[in-house]
mmCIF file of all heavy atoms, coordinates in Angstrom:
data_MODEL
# 
_entry.id   MODEL 
# 
loop_
_atom_site.group_PDB 
_atom_site.id 
_atom_site.type_symbol 
_atom_site.label_atom_id 
_atom_site.label_alt_id 
_atom_site.label_comp_id 
_atom_site.label_asym_id 
_atom_site.label_entity_id 
_atom_site.label_seq_id 
_atom_site.pdbx_PDB_ins_code 
_atom_site.Cartn_x 
_atom_site.Cartn_y 
_atom_site.Cartn_z 
_atom_site.occupancy 
_atom_site.B_iso_or_equiv 
_atom_site.pdbx_formal_charge 
_atom_site.auth_seq_id 
_atom_site.auth_comp_id 
_atom_site.auth_asym_id 
_atom_site.auth_atom_id 
_atom_site.pdbx_PDB_model_num 
ATOM 1   N N   . ASP A 1 1  ? -8.970  18.926 -33.786 1.00 0.00 ? 1  ASP A N   1 
ATOM 2   C CA  . ASP A 1 1  ? -10.309 19.150 -33.191 1.00 0.00 ? 1  ASP A CA  1 
ATOM 3   C C   . ASP A 1 1  ? -11.086 20.173 -34.008 1.00 0.00 ? 1  ASP A C   1 
ATOM 4   O O   . ASP A 1 1  ? -12.285 19.996 -34.290 1.00 0.00 ? 1  ASP A O   1 
ATOM 5   C CB  . ASP A 1 1  ? -10.175 19.704 -31.759 1.00 0.00 ? 1  ASP A CB  1 
ATOM 6   C CG  . ASP A 1 1  ? -9.894  18.587 -30.762 1.00 0.00 ? 1  ASP A CG  1 
ATOM 7   O OD1 . ASP A 1 1  ? -9.839  17.425 -31.186 1.00 0.00 ? 1  ASP A OD1 1 
ATOM 8   O OD2 . ASP A 1 1  ? -9.713  18.887 -29.573 1.00 0.00 ? 1  ASP A OD2 1 
ATOM 9   N N   . LEU A 1 2  ? -10.387 21.249 -34.399 1.00 0.00 ? 2  LEU A N   1 
ATOM 10  C CA  . LEU A 1 2  ? -11.035 22.313 -35.124 1.00 0.00 ? 2  LEU A CA  1 
ATOM 11  C C   . LEU A 1 2  ? -11.345 21.887 -36.572 1.00 0.00 ? 2  LEU A C   1 
ATOM 12  O O   . LEU A 1 2  ? -12.321 22.313 -37.154 1.00 0.00 ? 2  LEU A O   1 
ATOM 13  C CB  . LEU A 1 2  ? -10.137 23.557 -35.090 1.00 0.00 ? 2  LEU A CB  1 
ATOM 14  C CG  . LEU A 1 2  ? -10.789 24.906 -35.480 1.00 0.00 ? 2  LEU A CG  1 
ATOM 15  C CD1 . LEU A 1 2  ? -12.053 25.141 -34.697 1.00 0.00 ? 2  LEU A CD1 1 
ATOM 16  C CD2 . LEU A 1 2  ? -9.817  26.055 -35.288 1.00 0.00 ? 2  LEU A CD2 1 
ATOM 17  N N   . GLN A 1 3  ? -10.510 20.979 -37.102 1.00 0.00 ? 3  GLN A N   1 
ATOM 18  C CA  . GLN A 1 3  ? -10.743 20.496 -38.472 1.00 0.00 ? 3  GLN A CA  1 
ATOM 19  C C   . GLN A 1 3  ? -12.055 19.731 -38.532 1.00 0.00 ? 3  GLN A C   1 
ATOM 20  O O   . GLN A 1 3  ? -12.763 19.814 -39.519 1.00 0.00 ? 3  GLN A O   1 
ATOM 21  C CB  . GLN A 1 3  ? -9.587  19.615 -38.946 1.00 0.00 ? 3  GLN A CB  1 
ATOM 22  C CG  . GLN A 1 3  ? -9.661  19.264 -40.443 1.00 0.00 ? 3  GLN A CG  1 
ATOM 23  C CD  . GLN A 1 3  ? -9.769  20.496 -41.318 1.00 0.00 ? 3  GLN A CD  1 
ATOM 24  O OE1 . GLN A 1 3  ? -8.961  21.407 -41.257 1.00 0.00 ? 3  GLN A OE1 1 
ATOM 25  N NE2 . GLN A 1 3  ? -10.805 20.533 -42.183 1.00 0.00 ? 3  GLN A NE2 1 
ATOM 26  N N   . GLU A 1 4  ? -12.351 19.014 -37.475 1.00 0.00 ? 4  GLU A N   1 
ATOM 27  C CA  . GLU A 1 4  ? -13.634 18.287 -37.410 1.00 0.00 ? 4  GLU A CA  1 
ATOM 28  C C   . GLU A 1 4  ? -14.810 19.284 -37.501 1.00 0.00 ? 4  GLU A C   1 
ATOM 29  O O   . GLU A 1 4  ? -15.805 19.029 -38.162 1.00 0.00 ? 4  GLU A O   1 
ATOM 30  C CB  . GLU A 1 4  ? -13.742 17.469 -36.133 1.00 0.00 ? 4  GLU A CB  1 
ATOM 31  C CG  . GLU A 1 4  ? -12.945 16.170 -36.160 1.00 0.00 ? 4  GLU A CG  1 
ATOM 32  C CD  . GLU A 1 4  ? -13.089 15.371 -34.874 1.00 0.00 ? 4  GLU A CD  1 
ATOM 33  O OE1 . GLU A 1 4  ? -14.180 15.355 -34.290 1.00 0.00 ? 4  GLU A OE1 1 
ATOM 34  O OE2 . GLU A 1 4  ? -12.087 14.765 -34.463 1.00 0.00 ? 4  GLU A OE2 1 
ATOM 35  N N   . VAL A 1 5  ? -14.642 20.404 -36.797 1.00 0.00 ? 5  VAL A N   1 
ATOM 36  C CA  . VAL A 1 5  ? -15.696 21.444 -36.825 1.00 0.00 ? 5  VAL A CA  1 
ATOM 37  C C   . VAL A 1 5  ? -15.801 22.024 -38.232 1.00 0.00 ? 5  VAL A C   1 
ATOM 38  O O   . VAL A 1 5  ? -16.931 22.249 -38.727 1.00 0.00 ? 5  VAL A O   1 
ATOM 39  C CB  . VAL A 1 5  ? -15.329 22.578 -35.820 1.00 0.00 ? 5  VAL A CB  1 
ATOM 40  C CG1 . VAL A 1 5  ? -16.405 23.657 -35.834 1.00 0.00 ? 5  VAL A CG1 1 
ATOM 41  C CG2 . VAL A 1 5  ? -15.185 22.025 -34.420 1.00 0.00 ? 5  VAL A CG2 1 
ATOM 42  N N   . MET A 1 6  ? -14.668 22.282 -38.889 1.00 0.00 ? 6  MET A N   1 
ATOM 43  C CA  . MET A 1 6  ? -14.678 22.845 -40.249 1.00 0.00 ? 6  MET A CA  1 
ATOM 44  C C   . MET A 1 6  ? -15.316 21.840 -41.232 1.00 0.00 ? 6  MET A C   1 
ATOM 45  O O   . MET A 1 6  ? -16.084 22.248 -42.127 1.00 0.00 ? 6  MET A O   1 
ATOM 46  C CB  . MET A 1 6  ? -13.246 23.162 -40.721 1.00 0.00 ? 6  MET A CB  1 
ATOM 47  C CG  . MET A 1 6  ? -12.552 24.277 -39.958 1.00 0.00 ? 6  MET A CG  1 
ATOM 48  S SD  . MET A 1 6  ? -13.402 25.839 -40.082 1.00 0.00 ? 6  MET A SD  1 
ATOM 49  C CE  . MET A 1 6  ? -13.833 26.137 -38.385 1.00 0.00 ? 6  MET A CE  1 
ATOM 50  N N   . ASP A 1 7  ? -15.014 20.556 -41.065 1.00 0.00 ? 7  ASP A N   1 
ATOM 51  C CA  . ASP A 1 7  ? -15.605 19.534 -41.946 1.00 0.00 ? 7  ASP A CA  1 
ATOM 52  C C   . ASP A 1 7  ? -17.131 19.472 -41.802 1.00 0.00 ? 7  ASP A C   1 
ATOM 53  O O   . ASP A 1 7  ? -17.857 19.385 -42.778 1.00 0.00 ? 7  ASP A O   1 
ATOM 54  C CB  . ASP A 1 7  ? -14.984 18.173 -41.645 1.00 0.00 ? 7  ASP A CB  1 
ATOM 55  C CG  . ASP A 1 7  ? -13.526 18.047 -42.084 1.00 0.00 ? 7  ASP A CG  1 
ATOM 56  O OD1 . ASP A 1 7  ? -13.081 18.905 -42.884 1.00 0.00 ? 7  ASP A OD1 1 
ATOM 57  O OD2 . ASP A 1 7  ? -12.830 17.146 -41.595 1.00 0.00 ? 7  ASP A OD2 1 
ATOM 58  N N   . TYR A 1 8  ? -17.569 19.577 -40.511 1.00 0.00 ? 8  TYR A N   1 
ATOM 59  C CA  . TYR A 1 8  ? -19.013 19.554 -40.257 1.00 0.00 ? 8  TYR A CA  1 
ATOM 60  C C   . TYR A 1 8  ? -19.691 20.800 -40.832 1.00 0.00 ? 8  TYR A C   1 
ATOM 61  O O   . TYR A 1 8  ? -20.760 20.734 -41.437 1.00 0.00 ? 8  TYR A O   1 
ATOM 62  C CB  . TYR A 1 8  ? -19.261 19.431 -38.757 1.00 0.00 ? 8  TYR A CB  1 
ATOM 63  C CG  . TYR A 1 8  ? -20.728 19.390 -38.384 1.00 0.00 ? 8  TYR A CG  1 
ATOM 64  C CD1 . TYR A 1 8  ? -21.582 18.378 -38.890 1.00 0.00 ? 8  TYR A CD1 1 
ATOM 65  C CD2 . TYR A 1 8  ? -21.287 20.340 -37.552 1.00 0.00 ? 8  TYR A CD2 1 
ATOM 66  C CE1 . TYR A 1 8  ? -22.929 18.367 -38.580 1.00 0.00 ? 8  TYR A CE1 1 
ATOM 67  C CE2 . TYR A 1 8  ? -22.643 20.340 -37.233 1.00 0.00 ? 8  TYR A CE2 1 
ATOM 68  C CZ  . TYR A 1 8  ? -23.451 19.335 -37.736 1.00 0.00 ? 8  TYR A CZ  1 
ATOM 69  O OH  . TYR A 1 8  ? -24.796 19.310 -37.406 1.00 0.00 ? 8  TYR A OH  1 
ATOM 70  N N   . LEU A 1 9  ? -19.013 21.942 -40.669 1.00 0.00 ? 9  LEU A N   1 
ATOM 71  C CA  . LEU A 1 9  ? -19.535 23.192 -41.183 1.00 0.00 ? 9  LEU A CA  1 
ATOM 72  C C   . LEU A 1 9  ? -19.673 23.113 -42.706 1.00 0.00 ? 9  LEU A C   1 
ATOM 73  O O   . LEU A 1 9  ? -20.709 23.513 -43.293 1.00 0.00 ? 9  LEU A O   1 
ATOM 74  C CB  . LEU A 1 9  ? -18.599 24.390 -40.788 1.00 0.00 ? 9  LEU A CB  1 
ATOM 75  C CG  . LEU A 1 9  ? -18.970 25.753 -41.302 1.00 0.00 ? 9  LEU A CG  1 
ATOM 76  C CD1 . LEU A 1 9  ? -20.369 26.182 -40.788 1.00 0.00 ? 9  LEU A CD1 1 
ATOM 77  C CD2 . LEU A 1 9  ? -17.951 26.797 -40.861 1.00 0.00 ? 9  LEU A CD2 1 
ATOM 78  N N   . GLU A 1 10 ? -18.655 22.568 -43.379 1.00 0.00 ? 10 GLU A N   1 
ATOM 79  C CA  . GLU A 1 10 ? -18.703 22.448 -44.833 1.00 0.00 ? 10 GLU A CA  1 
ATOM 80  C C   . GLU A 1 10 ? -19.844 21.529 -45.258 1.00 0.00 ? 10 GLU A C   1 
ATOM 81  O O   . GLU A 1 10 ? -20.616 21.870 -46.186 1.00 0.00 ? 10 GLU A O   1 
ATOM 82  C CB  . GLU A 1 10 ? -17.369 21.869 -45.373 1.00 0.00 ? 10 GLU A CB  1 
ATOM 83  C CG  . GLU A 1 10 ? -17.411 21.700 -46.894 1.00 0.00 ? 10 GLU A CG  1 
ATOM 84  C CD  . GLU A 1 10 ? -16.190 20.989 -47.448 1.00 0.00 ? 10 GLU A CD  1 
ATOM 85  O OE1 . GLU A 1 10 ? -15.528 20.222 -46.714 1.00 0.00 ? 10 GLU A OE1 1 
ATOM 86  O OE2 . GLU A 1 10 ? -15.886 21.182 -48.639 1.00 0.00 ? 10 GLU A OE2 1 
ATOM 87  N N   . GLU A 1 11 ? -19.995 20.445 -44.542 1.00 0.00 ? 11 GLU A N   1 
ATOM 88  C CA  . GLU A 1 11 ? -21.064 19.472 -44.850 1.00 0.00 ? 11 GLU A CA  1 
ATOM 89  C C   . GLU A 1 11 ? -22.455 20.137 -44.750 1.00 0.00 ? 11 GLU A C   1 
ATOM 90  O O   . GLU A 1 11 ? -23.314 19.971 -45.617 1.00 0.00 ? 11 GLU A O   1 
ATOM 91  C CB  . GLU A 1 11 ? -20.933 18.314 -43.842 1.00 0.00 ? 11 GLU A CB  1 
ATOM 92  C CG  . GLU A 1 11 ? -21.945 17.209 -43.940 1.00 0.00 ? 11 GLU A CG  1 
ATOM 93  C CD  . GLU A 1 11 ? -21.855 16.309 -42.686 1.00 0.00 ? 11 GLU A CD  1 
ATOM 94  O OE1 . GLU A 1 11 ? -20.745 15.789 -42.414 1.00 0.00 ? 11 GLU A OE1 1 
ATOM 95  O OE2 . GLU A 1 11 ? -22.893 16.177 -41.985 1.00 0.00 ? 11 GLU A OE2 1 
ATOM 96  N N   . GLN A 1 12 ? -22.647 20.915 -43.686 1.00 0.00 ? 12 GLN A N   1 
ATOM 97  C CA  . GLN A 1 12 ? -23.942 21.597 -43.466 1.00 0.00 ? 12 GLN A CA  1 
ATOM 98  C C   . GLN A 1 12 ? -24.172 22.692 -44.492 1.00 0.00 ? 12 GLN A C   1 
ATOM 99  O O   . GLN A 1 12 ? -25.275 22.880 -44.989 1.00 0.00 ? 12 GLN A O   1 
ATOM 100 C CB  . GLN A 1 12 ? -24.004 22.168 -42.051 1.00 0.00 ? 12 GLN A CB  1 
ATOM 101 C CG  . GLN A 1 12 ? -24.021 21.103 -40.944 1.00 0.00 ? 12 GLN A CG  1 
ATOM 102 C CD  . GLN A 1 12 ? -25.188 20.130 -41.102 1.00 0.00 ? 12 GLN A CD  1 
ATOM 103 O OE1 . GLN A 1 12 ? -26.333 20.502 -41.070 1.00 0.00 ? 12 GLN A OE1 1 
ATOM 104 N NE2 . GLN A 1 12 ? -24.836 18.847 -41.282 1.00 0.00 ? 12 GLN A NE2 1 
ATOM 105 N N   . PHE A 1 13 ? -23.095 23.447 -44.818 1.00 0.00 ? 13 PHE A N   1 
ATOM 106 C CA  . PHE A 1 13 ? -23.209 24.500 -45.813 1.00 0.00 ? 13 PHE A CA  1 
ATOM 107 C C   . PHE A 1 13 ? -23.605 23.907 -47.166 1.00 0.00 ? 13 PHE A C   1 
ATOM 108 O O   . PHE A 1 13 ? -24.516 24.408 -47.847 1.00 0.00 ? 13 PHE A O   1 
ATOM 109 C CB  . PHE A 1 13 ? -21.888 25.249 -45.914 1.00 0.00 ? 13 PHE A CB  1 
ATOM 110 C CG  . PHE A 1 13 ? -21.812 26.230 -47.069 1.00 0.00 ? 13 PHE A CG  1 
ATOM 111 C CD1 . PHE A 1 13 ? -22.744 27.288 -47.145 1.00 0.00 ? 13 PHE A CD1 1 
ATOM 112 C CD2 . PHE A 1 13 ? -20.875 26.115 -48.071 1.00 0.00 ? 13 PHE A CD2 1 
ATOM 113 C CE1 . PHE A 1 13 ? -22.673 28.208 -48.219 1.00 0.00 ? 13 PHE A CE1 1 
ATOM 114 C CE2 . PHE A 1 13 ? -20.802 27.013 -49.115 1.00 0.00 ? 13 PHE A CE2 1 
ATOM 115 C CZ  . PHE A 1 13 ? -21.717 28.052 -49.214 1.00 0.00 ? 13 PHE A CZ  1 
ATOM 116 N N   . LEU A 1 14 ? -22.943 22.816 -47.567 1.00 0.00 ? 14 LEU A N   1 
ATOM 117 C CA  . LEU A 1 14 ? -23.254 22.174 -48.856 1.00 0.00 ? 14 LEU A CA  1 
ATOM 118 C C   . LEU A 1 14 ? -24.674 21.618 -48.861 1.00 0.00 ? 14 LEU A C   1 
ATOM 119 O O   . LEU A 1 14 ? -25.376 21.625 -49.871 1.00 0.00 ? 14 LEU A O   1 
ATOM 120 C CB  . LEU A 1 14 ? -22.242 21.056 -49.124 1.00 0.00 ? 14 LEU A CB  1 
ATOM 121 C CG  . LEU A 1 14 ? -20.820 21.479 -49.462 1.00 0.00 ? 14 LEU A CG  1 
ATOM 122 C CD1 . LEU A 1 14 ? -19.907 20.279 -49.568 1.00 0.00 ? 14 LEU A CD1 1 
ATOM 123 C CD2 . LEU A 1 14 ? -20.780 22.292 -50.761 1.00 0.00 ? 14 LEU A CD2 1 
ATOM 124 N N   . ARG A 1 15 ? -25.107 21.187 -47.672 1.00 0.00 ? 15 ARG A N   1 
ATOM 125 C CA  . ARG A 1 15 ? -26.456 20.622 -47.556 1.00 0.00 ? 15 ARG A CA  1 
ATOM 126 C C   . ARG A 1 15 ? -27.519 21.714 -47.767 1.00 0.00 ? 15 ARG A C   1 
ATOM 127 O O   . ARG A 1 15 ? -28.546 21.469 -48.401 1.00 0.00 ? 15 ARG A O   1 
ATOM 128 C CB  . ARG A 1 15 ? -26.605 20.005 -46.173 1.00 0.00 ? 15 ARG A CB  1 
ATOM 129 C CG  . ARG A 1 15 ? -27.965 19.395 -45.893 1.00 0.00 ? 15 ARG A CG  1 
ATOM 130 C CD  . ARG A 1 15 ? -28.027 18.861 -44.470 1.00 0.00 ? 15 ARG A CD  1 
ATOM 131 N NE  . ARG A 1 15 ? -29.401 18.617 -44.069 1.00 0.00 ? 15 ARG A NE  1 
ATOM 132 C CZ  . ARG A 1 15 ? -29.749 18.401 -42.798 1.00 0.00 ? 15 ARG A CZ  1 
ATOM 133 N NH1 . ARG A 1 15 ? -28.861 18.405 -41.834 1.00 0.00 ? 15 ARG A NH1 1 
ATOM 134 N NH2 . ARG A 1 15 ? -31.018 18.196 -42.502 1.00 0.00 ? 15 ARG A NH2 1 
ATOM 135 N N   . PHE A 1 16 ? -27.264 22.890 -47.226 1.00 0.00 ? 16 PHE A N   1 
ATOM 136 C CA  . PHE A 1 16 ? -28.321 23.933 -47.242 1.00 0.00 ? 16 PHE A CA  1 
ATOM 137 C C   . PHE A 1 16 ? -28.174 25.025 -48.331 1.00 0.00 ? 16 PHE A C   1 
ATOM 138 O O   . PHE A 1 16 ? -29.150 25.706 -48.619 1.00 0.00 ? 16 PHE A O   1 
ATOM 139 C CB  . PHE A 1 16 ? -28.372 24.626 -45.854 1.00 0.00 ? 16 PHE A CB  1 
ATOM 140 C CG  . PHE A 1 16 ? -28.939 23.738 -44.788 1.00 0.00 ? 16 PHE A CG  1 
ATOM 141 C CD1 . PHE A 1 16 ? -28.144 23.299 -43.738 1.00 0.00 ? 16 PHE A CD1 1 
ATOM 142 C CD2 . PHE A 1 16 ? -30.272 23.331 -44.833 1.00 0.00 ? 16 PHE A CD2 1 
ATOM 143 C CE1 . PHE A 1 16 ? -28.660 22.462 -42.742 1.00 0.00 ? 16 PHE A CE1 1 
ATOM 144 C CE2 . PHE A 1 16 ? -30.795 22.494 -43.850 1.00 0.00 ? 16 PHE A CE2 1 
ATOM 145 C CZ  . PHE A 1 16 ? -30.016 22.072 -42.815 1.00 0.00 ? 16 PHE A CZ  1 
ATOM 146 N N   . MET A 1 17 ? -26.967 25.183 -48.914 1.00 0.00 ? 17 MET A N   1 
ATOM 147 C CA  . MET A 1 17 ? -26.766 26.344 -49.786 1.00 0.00 ? 17 MET A CA  1 
ATOM 148 C C   . MET A 1 17 ? -27.769 26.403 -50.963 1.00 0.00 ? 17 MET A C   1 
ATOM 149 O O   . MET A 1 17 ? -28.153 27.470 -51.392 1.00 0.00 ? 17 MET A O   1 
ATOM 150 C CB  . MET A 1 17 ? -25.311 26.417 -50.303 1.00 0.00 ? 17 MET A CB  1 
ATOM 151 C CG  . MET A 1 17 ? -24.907 25.272 -51.196 1.00 0.00 ? 17 MET A CG  1 
ATOM 152 S SD  . MET A 1 17 ? -23.161 25.372 -51.682 1.00 0.00 ? 17 MET A SD  1 
ATOM 153 C CE  . MET A 1 17 ? -23.240 26.443 -53.122 1.00 0.00 ? 17 MET A CE  1 
ATOM 154 N N   . ASP A 1 18 ? -28.168 25.235 -51.455 1.00 0.00 ? 18 ASP A N   1 
ATOM 155 C CA  . ASP A 1 18 ? -29.150 25.208 -52.563 1.00 0.00 ? 18 ASP A CA  1 
ATOM 156 C C   . ASP A 1 18 ? -30.512 24.640 -52.140 1.00 0.00 ? 18 ASP A C   1 
ATOM 157 O O   . ASP A 1 18 ? -31.352 24.339 -52.985 1.00 0.00 ? 18 ASP A O   1 
ATOM 158 C CB  . ASP A 1 18 ? -28.597 24.420 -53.744 1.00 0.00 ? 18 ASP A CB  1 
ATOM 159 C CG  . ASP A 1 18 ? -27.414 25.150 -54.386 1.00 0.00 ? 18 ASP A CG  1 
ATOM 160 O OD1 . ASP A 1 18 ? -27.493 26.381 -54.519 1.00 0.00 ? 18 ASP A OD1 1 
ATOM 161 O OD2 . ASP A 1 18 ? -26.405 24.483 -54.758 1.00 0.00 ? 18 ASP A OD2 1 
ATOM 162 N N   . ASP A 1 19 ? -30.691 24.468 -50.846 1.00 0.00 ? 19 ASP A N   1 
ATOM 163 C CA  . ASP A 1 19 ? -31.951 23.943 -50.333 1.00 0.00 ? 19 ASP A CA  1 
ATOM 164 C C   . ASP A 1 19 ? -33.063 24.969 -50.553 1.00 0.00 ? 19 ASP A C   1 
ATOM 165 O O   . ASP A 1 19 ? -32.928 26.110 -50.111 1.00 0.00 ? 19 ASP A O   1 
ATOM 166 C CB  . ASP A 1 19 ? -31.797 23.632 -48.823 1.00 0.00 ? 19 ASP A CB  1 
ATOM 167 C CG  . ASP A 1 19 ? -33.107 23.208 -48.194 1.00 0.00 ? 19 ASP A CG  1 
ATOM 168 O OD1 . ASP A 1 19 ? -33.571 22.106 -48.550 1.00 0.00 ? 19 ASP A OD1 1 
ATOM 169 O OD2 . ASP A 1 19 ? -33.661 23.941 -47.375 1.00 0.00 ? 19 ASP A OD2 1 
ATOM 170 N N   . PRO A 1 20 ? -34.165 24.598 -51.232 1.00 0.00 ? 20 PRO A N   1 
ATOM 171 C CA  . PRO A 1 20 ? -35.218 25.580 -51.573 1.00 0.00 ? 20 PRO A CA  1 
ATOM 172 C C   . PRO A 1 20 ? -35.766 26.332 -50.340 1.00 0.00 ? 20 PRO A C   1 
ATOM 173 O O   . PRO A 1 20 ? -35.997 27.534 -50.381 1.00 0.00 ? 20 PRO A O   1 
ATOM 174 C CB  . PRO A 1 20 ? -36.287 24.740 -52.228 1.00 0.00 ? 20 PRO A CB  1 
ATOM 175 C CG  . PRO A 1 20 ? -35.576 23.529 -52.752 1.00 0.00 ? 20 PRO A CG  1 
ATOM 176 C CD  . PRO A 1 20 ? -34.467 23.282 -51.810 1.00 0.00 ? 20 PRO A CD  1 
ATOM 177 N N   . GLU A 1 21 ? -35.952 25.617 -49.246 1.00 0.00 ? 21 GLU A N   1 
ATOM 178 C CA  . GLU A 1 21 ? -36.498 26.234 -48.025 1.00 0.00 ? 21 GLU A CA  1 
ATOM 179 C C   . GLU A 1 21 ? -35.511 27.249 -47.430 1.00 0.00 ? 21 GLU A C   1 
ATOM 180 O O   . GLU A 1 21 ? -35.889 28.374 -47.024 1.00 0.00 ? 21 GLU A O   1 
ATOM 181 C CB  . GLU A 1 21 ? -36.795 25.140 -47.011 1.00 0.00 ? 21 GLU A CB  1 
ATOM 182 C CG  . GLU A 1 21 ? -37.788 25.603 -45.927 1.00 0.00 ? 21 GLU A CG  1 
ATOM 183 C CD  . GLU A 1 21 ? -38.080 24.443 -44.948 1.00 0.00 ? 21 GLU A CD  1 
ATOM 184 O OE1 . GLU A 1 21 ? -38.661 23.437 -45.385 1.00 0.00 ? 21 GLU A OE1 1 
ATOM 185 O OE2 . GLU A 1 21 ? -37.689 24.578 -43.772 1.00 0.00 ? 21 GLU A OE2 1 
ATOM 186 N N   . PHE A 1 22 ? -34.223 26.878 -47.430 1.00 0.00 ? 22 PHE A N   1 
ATOM 187 C CA  . PHE A 1 22 ? -33.187 27.774 -46.906 1.00 0.00 ? 22 PHE A CA  1 
ATOM 188 C C   . PHE A 1 22 ? -33.100 29.028 -47.765 1.00 0.00 ? 22 PHE A C   1 
ATOM 189 O O   . PHE A 1 22 ? -33.078 30.158 -47.276 1.00 0.00 ? 22 PHE A O   1 
ATOM 190 C CB  . PHE A 1 22 ? -31.827 27.054 -46.910 1.00 0.00 ? 22 PHE A CB  1 
ATOM 191 C CG  . PHE A 1 22 ? -30.667 27.916 -46.380 1.00 0.00 ? 22 PHE A CG  1 
ATOM 192 C CD1 . PHE A 1 22 ? -30.431 28.004 -45.010 1.00 0.00 ? 22 PHE A CD1 1 
ATOM 193 C CD2 . PHE A 1 22 ? -29.856 28.602 -47.262 1.00 0.00 ? 22 PHE A CD2 1 
ATOM 194 C CE1 . PHE A 1 22 ? -29.391 28.782 -44.535 1.00 0.00 ? 22 PHE A CE1 1 
ATOM 195 C CE2 . PHE A 1 22 ? -28.808 29.405 -46.776 1.00 0.00 ? 22 PHE A CE2 1 
ATOM 196 C CZ  . PHE A 1 22 ? -28.582 29.493 -45.380 1.00 0.00 ? 22 PHE A CZ  1 
ATOM 197 N N   . LYS A 1 23 ? -33.102 28.839 -49.097 1.00 0.00 ? 23 LYS A N   1 
ATOM 198 C CA  . LYS A 1 23 ? -33.025 29.980 -50.018 1.00 0.00 ? 23 LYS A CA  1 
ATOM 199 C C   . LYS A 1 23 ? -34.230 30.899 -49.887 1.00 0.00 ? 23 LYS A C   1 
ATOM 200 O O   . LYS A 1 23 ? -34.108 32.125 -49.922 1.00 0.00 ? 23 LYS A O   1 
ATOM 201 C CB  . LYS A 1 23 ? -32.921 29.468 -51.481 1.00 0.00 ? 23 LYS A CB  1 
ATOM 202 C CG  . LYS A 1 23 ? -31.501 28.947 -51.812 1.00 0.00 ? 23 LYS A CG  1 
ATOM 203 C CD  . LYS A 1 23 ? -31.471 28.152 -53.085 1.00 0.00 ? 23 LYS A CD  1 
ATOM 204 C CE  . LYS A 1 23 ? -31.449 29.034 -54.300 1.00 0.00 ? 23 LYS A CE  1 
ATOM 205 N NZ  . LYS A 1 23 ? -31.192 28.210 -55.524 1.00 0.00 ? 23 LYS A NZ  1 
ATOM 206 N N   . GLU A 1 24 ? -35.384 30.302 -49.680 1.00 0.00 ? 24 GLU A N   1 
ATOM 207 C CA  . GLU A 1 24 ? -36.626 31.103 -49.530 1.00 0.00 ? 24 GLU A CA  1 
ATOM 208 C C   . GLU A 1 24 ? -36.529 31.965 -48.278 1.00 0.00 ? 24 GLU A C   1 
ATOM 209 O O   . GLU A 1 24 ? -36.873 33.149 -48.285 1.00 0.00 ? 24 GLU A O   1 
ATOM 210 C CB  . GLU A 1 24 ? -37.838 30.185 -49.479 1.00 0.00 ? 24 GLU A CB  1 
ATOM 211 C CG  . GLU A 1 24 ? -39.153 30.923 -49.510 1.00 0.00 ? 24 GLU A CG  1 
ATOM 212 C CD  . GLU A 1 24 ? -40.357 29.985 -49.396 1.00 0.00 ? 24 GLU A CD  1 
ATOM 213 O OE1 . GLU A 1 24 ? -40.209 28.751 -49.566 1.00 0.00 ? 24 GLU A OE1 1 
ATOM 214 O OE2 . GLU A 1 24 ? -41.441 30.510 -49.109 1.00 0.00 ? 24 GLU A OE2 1 
ATOM 215 N N   . GLU A 1 25 ? -36.043 31.358 -47.160 1.00 0.00 ? 25 GLU A N   1 
ATOM 216 C CA  . GLU A 1 25 ? -35.935 32.112 -45.933 1.00 0.00 ? 25 GLU A CA  1 
ATOM 217 C C   . GLU A 1 25 ? -34.873 33.222 -46.048 1.00 0.00 ? 25 GLU A C   1 
ATOM 218 O O   . GLU A 1 25 ? -35.065 34.363 -45.605 1.00 0.00 ? 25 GLU A O   1 
ATOM 219 C CB  . GLU A 1 25 ? -35.597 31.156 -44.754 1.00 0.00 ? 25 GLU A CB  1 
ATOM 220 C CG  . GLU A 1 25 ? -35.713 31.864 -43.419 1.00 0.00 ? 25 GLU A CG  1 
ATOM 221 C CD  . GLU A 1 25 ? -35.472 30.972 -42.190 1.00 0.00 ? 25 GLU A CD  1 
ATOM 222 O OE1 . GLU A 1 25 ? -35.078 29.819 -42.358 1.00 0.00 ? 25 GLU A OE1 1 
ATOM 223 O OE2 . GLU A 1 25 ? -35.677 31.465 -41.070 1.00 0.00 ? 25 GLU A OE2 1 
ATOM 224 N N   . LEU A 1 26 ? -33.725 32.867 -46.664 1.00 0.00 ? 26 LEU A N   1 
ATOM 225 C CA  . LEU A 1 26 ? -32.666 33.870 -46.863 1.00 0.00 ? 26 LEU A CA  1 
ATOM 226 C C   . LEU A 1 26 ? -33.182 35.023 -47.721 1.00 0.00 ? 26 LEU A C   1 
ATOM 227 O O   . LEU A 1 26 ? -32.983 36.220 -47.355 1.00 0.00 ? 26 LEU A O   1 
ATOM 228 C CB  . LEU A 1 26 ? -31.462 33.204 -47.560 1.00 0.00 ? 26 LEU A CB  1 
ATOM 229 C CG  . LEU A 1 26 ? -30.289 34.114 -47.916 1.00 0.00 ? 26 LEU A CG  1 
ATOM 230 C CD1 . LEU A 1 26 ? -29.700 34.798 -46.678 1.00 0.00 ? 26 LEU A CD1 1 
ATOM 231 C CD2 . LEU A 1 26 ? -29.204 33.322 -48.676 1.00 0.00 ? 26 LEU A CD2 1 
ATOM 232 N N   . ASN A 1 27 ? -33.865 34.719 -48.806 1.00 0.00 ? 27 ASN A N   1 
ATOM 233 C CA  . ASN A 1 27 ? -34.380 35.779 -49.680 1.00 0.00 ? 27 ASN A CA  1 
ATOM 234 C C   . ASN A 1 27 ? -35.427 36.654 -48.979 1.00 0.00 ? 27 ASN A C   1 
ATOM 235 O O   . ASN A 1 27 ? -35.500 37.852 -49.188 1.00 0.00 ? 27 ASN A O   1 
ATOM 236 C CB  . ASN A 1 27 ? -34.974 35.188 -50.964 1.00 0.00 ? 27 ASN A CB  1 
ATOM 237 C CG  . ASN A 1 27 ? -33.867 34.631 -51.878 1.00 0.00 ? 27 ASN A CG  1 
ATOM 238 O OD1 . ASN A 1 27 ? -32.742 35.079 -51.820 1.00 0.00 ? 27 ASN A OD1 1 
ATOM 239 N ND2 . ASN A 1 27 ? -34.203 33.636 -52.696 1.00 0.00 ? 27 ASN A ND2 1 
# 
């Protein structure tokens, strides 16, 4: 059950880590 959560978390992290809008907000 928890592995599914980790897989989804990884997918979302990879989706946003280099996303220009995400990076702009983080900065």
